[in-house]
Protein backbone atom coordinates (compact mmCIF):
# COMPACT_ATOMS: atom_id res chain seq x y z
CA UNK A 1 -1.28 -20.17 -19.73
CA UNK A 2 -4.70 -18.79 -18.95
CA UNK A 3 -6.38 -19.25 -15.60
CA UNK A 4 -9.01 -21.60 -17.03
CA UNK A 5 -6.33 -23.74 -18.72
CA UNK A 6 -4.41 -23.80 -15.45
CA UNK A 7 -7.56 -24.93 -13.62
CA UNK A 8 -8.09 -27.77 -16.12
CA UNK A 9 -4.48 -28.86 -15.76
CA UNK A 10 -4.71 -28.86 -11.95
CA UNK A 11 -7.92 -30.92 -12.09
CA UNK A 12 -6.02 -33.76 -13.79
CA UNK A 13 -3.26 -33.86 -11.14
CA UNK A 14 -3.13 -36.18 -8.14
CA UNK A 15 -2.84 -34.86 -4.61
CA UNK A 16 0.83 -35.78 -4.51
CA UNK A 17 1.52 -33.93 -7.76
CA UNK A 18 -0.27 -30.85 -6.40
CA UNK A 19 1.77 -30.95 -3.21
CA UNK A 20 4.98 -31.24 -5.21
CA UNK A 21 3.97 -28.37 -7.49
CA UNK A 22 3.25 -26.14 -4.47
CA UNK A 23 6.61 -27.01 -2.92
CA UNK A 24 8.39 -26.30 -6.21
CA UNK A 25 6.61 -22.96 -6.55
CA UNK A 26 7.54 -22.12 -2.94
CA UNK A 27 11.21 -22.86 -3.65
CA UNK A 28 11.32 -21.24 -7.09
CA UNK A 29 9.98 -17.77 -6.42
CA UNK A 30 10.46 -15.31 -3.54
CA UNK A 31 7.07 -13.80 -4.41
CA UNK A 32 5.37 -17.18 -4.05
CA UNK A 33 7.25 -17.84 -0.82
CA UNK A 34 6.05 -14.53 0.61
CA UNK A 35 2.47 -15.24 -0.53
CA UNK A 36 2.40 -18.72 1.00
CA UNK A 37 4.04 -17.49 4.21
CA UNK A 38 1.40 -14.80 4.55
CA UNK A 39 -1.43 -17.14 3.50
CA UNK A 40 -0.46 -19.74 6.12
CA UNK A 41 0.44 -17.25 8.85
CA UNK A 42 -1.24 -13.89 8.13
CA UNK A 43 0.67 -11.40 10.29
CA UNK A 44 -0.68 -8.08 9.05
CA UNK A 45 1.15 -6.06 11.71
CA UNK A 46 4.52 -7.48 10.62
CA UNK A 47 3.77 -6.62 6.98
CA UNK A 48 2.71 -3.09 7.94
CA UNK A 49 5.89 -2.68 9.97
CA UNK A 50 8.00 -3.93 7.05
CA UNK A 51 6.21 -1.50 4.72
CA UNK A 52 6.76 1.37 7.17
CA UNK A 53 10.49 0.64 7.18
CA UNK A 54 10.58 0.50 3.36
CA UNK A 55 8.75 3.84 3.05
CA UNK A 56 11.06 5.49 5.57
CA UNK A 57 14.11 4.06 3.78
CA UNK A 58 12.85 5.44 0.48
CA UNK A 59 12.06 8.84 2.01
CA UNK A 60 15.61 9.02 3.34
CA UNK A 61 16.94 9.18 -0.22
CA UNK A 62 17.82 12.85 -0.04
CA UNK A 63 20.11 15.42 -1.54
CA UNK A 64 20.58 18.72 0.25
CA UNK A 65 17.38 18.29 2.24
CA UNK A 66 15.22 17.48 -0.78
CA UNK A 67 13.67 14.06 -1.02
CA UNK A 68 14.65 11.94 -4.00
CA UNK A 69 12.15 9.27 -3.05
CA UNK A 70 10.60 7.44 -5.97
CA UNK A 71 6.81 7.51 -6.10
CA UNK A 72 6.86 4.20 -7.98
CA UNK A 73 8.36 2.52 -4.91
CA UNK A 74 5.49 3.75 -2.75
CA UNK A 75 2.98 2.50 -5.31
CA UNK A 76 4.72 -0.88 -5.45
CA UNK A 77 4.64 -1.23 -1.66
CA UNK A 78 0.88 -0.65 -1.67
CA UNK A 79 0.32 -2.95 -4.65
CA UNK A 80 2.42 -5.78 -3.24
CA UNK A 81 0.57 -5.62 0.07
CA UNK A 82 -2.82 -5.61 -1.66
CA UNK A 83 -1.71 -8.62 -3.72
CA UNK A 84 -1.53 -10.67 -0.53
CA UNK A 85 -5.29 -10.07 -0.08
CA UNK A 86 -5.03 -9.20 3.63
CA UNK A 87 -8.55 -7.80 3.85
CA UNK A 88 -10.13 -4.42 3.21
CA UNK A 89 -9.33 -2.96 6.63
CA UNK A 90 -5.65 -3.90 6.36
CA UNK A 91 -5.44 -2.44 2.84
CA UNK A 92 -6.90 0.81 4.11
CA UNK A 93 -4.37 0.81 6.96
CA UNK A 94 -1.53 0.32 4.44
CA UNK A 95 -2.64 3.18 2.20
CA UNK A 96 -3.09 5.46 5.22
CA UNK A 97 0.35 4.46 6.54
CA UNK A 98 2.02 5.43 3.27
CA UNK A 99 0.03 8.67 3.06
CA UNK A 100 0.83 9.59 6.66
CA UNK A 101 4.56 8.91 6.27
CA UNK A 102 5.00 10.67 2.93
CA UNK A 103 2.87 13.68 3.89
CA UNK A 104 4.53 13.82 7.32
CA UNK A 105 7.96 13.90 5.69
CA UNK A 106 7.10 17.47 4.66
CA UNK A 107 7.98 18.48 8.25
CA UNK A 108 11.66 17.65 7.81
CA UNK A 109 12.23 17.35 4.05
CA UNK A 110 11.58 19.45 0.99
CA UNK A 111 9.15 17.44 -1.10
CA UNK A 112 9.12 17.77 -4.85
CA UNK A 113 5.93 18.54 -6.81
CA UNK A 114 5.89 14.86 -7.82
CA UNK A 115 5.53 13.89 -4.18
CA UNK A 116 2.77 16.42 -3.63
CA UNK A 117 0.87 15.10 -6.65
CA UNK A 118 1.30 11.58 -5.28
CA UNK A 119 -0.09 12.65 -1.90
CA UNK A 120 -3.12 14.28 -3.54
CA UNK A 121 -3.70 11.29 -5.81
CA UNK A 122 -3.30 8.82 -2.96
CA UNK A 123 -5.79 10.70 -0.78
CA UNK A 124 -8.29 10.64 -3.64
CA UNK A 125 -7.55 6.99 -4.41
CA UNK A 126 -8.14 6.09 -0.78
CA UNK A 127 -11.58 7.66 -0.96
CA UNK A 128 -12.39 5.97 -4.29
CA UNK A 129 -11.17 2.61 -3.00
CA UNK A 130 -13.15 3.04 0.23
CA UNK A 131 -16.30 3.94 -1.70
CA UNK A 132 -15.90 0.80 -3.83
CA UNK A 133 -15.37 -1.36 -0.70
CA UNK A 134 -18.13 0.23 1.43
CA UNK A 135 -15.60 1.72 3.84
CA UNK A 136 -16.13 5.40 3.10
CA UNK A 137 -16.89 6.34 6.71
CA UNK A 138 -13.70 4.68 7.97
CA UNK A 139 -11.56 6.28 5.25
CA UNK A 140 -13.01 9.74 5.84
CA UNK A 141 -12.43 9.24 9.57
CA UNK A 142 -8.79 8.29 9.01
CA UNK A 143 -8.18 11.18 6.61
CA UNK A 144 -9.92 13.66 8.92
CA UNK A 145 -7.84 12.44 11.87
CA UNK A 146 -4.69 12.82 9.77
CA UNK A 147 -5.54 16.37 8.72
CA UNK A 148 -6.33 17.34 12.31
CA UNK A 149 -3.16 15.81 13.76
CA UNK A 150 -0.01 17.73 14.53
CA UNK A 151 1.99 15.39 12.24
CA UNK A 152 1.36 17.65 9.26
CA UNK A 153 2.34 21.22 8.59
CA UNK A 154 -0.61 23.51 7.80
CA UNK A 155 0.40 23.67 4.13
CA UNK A 156 0.24 19.87 3.77
CA UNK A 157 -2.93 19.67 5.85
CA UNK A 158 -4.69 22.12 3.51
CA UNK A 159 -3.25 20.37 0.48
CA UNK A 160 -4.80 17.03 1.51
CA UNK A 161 -8.12 18.66 2.41
CA UNK A 162 -8.24 20.40 -0.98
CA UNK A 163 -7.50 17.14 -2.81
CA UNK A 164 -10.24 15.39 -0.85
CA UNK A 165 -12.71 18.17 -1.65
CA UNK A 166 -11.79 18.04 -5.34
CA UNK A 167 -13.08 14.48 -5.48
CA UNK A 168 -16.83 14.29 -5.96
CA UNK A 169 -18.14 10.90 -4.78
């Protein structure tokens, strides 16, 4: 069903039918339950903390000191958070959190080239996203602070700086 057809169908419903439909959707789908829970009680810090735990759990998938973390899981964490529409600042915080954790894992894990490409792409995507949402100054500030922190090894620091410089906004 298209969005416009859905709108027309909703317009014909009574208030009681709408309430019942919302309750049924809440009960039927964990995704809807999470959306409504966040919509009614937007606790961004709790969602960021949950995402941090999921990223760390994924990074801990290792074999002989090499990370077997799946980049698709990191992308899904970011996408699911953005789907809640928490606001531009919170979305930026989420992307920076994932970037900081994955890039920082280079201190204690051997990252695969896939992870390094993800880090470079994410840094560039953060800048593109920030440019589109008029938050370039904040994003550059966050990325600069990350590259100047002691969380990253010099190799990873230079890698992120090079990927940022490769992007021409």
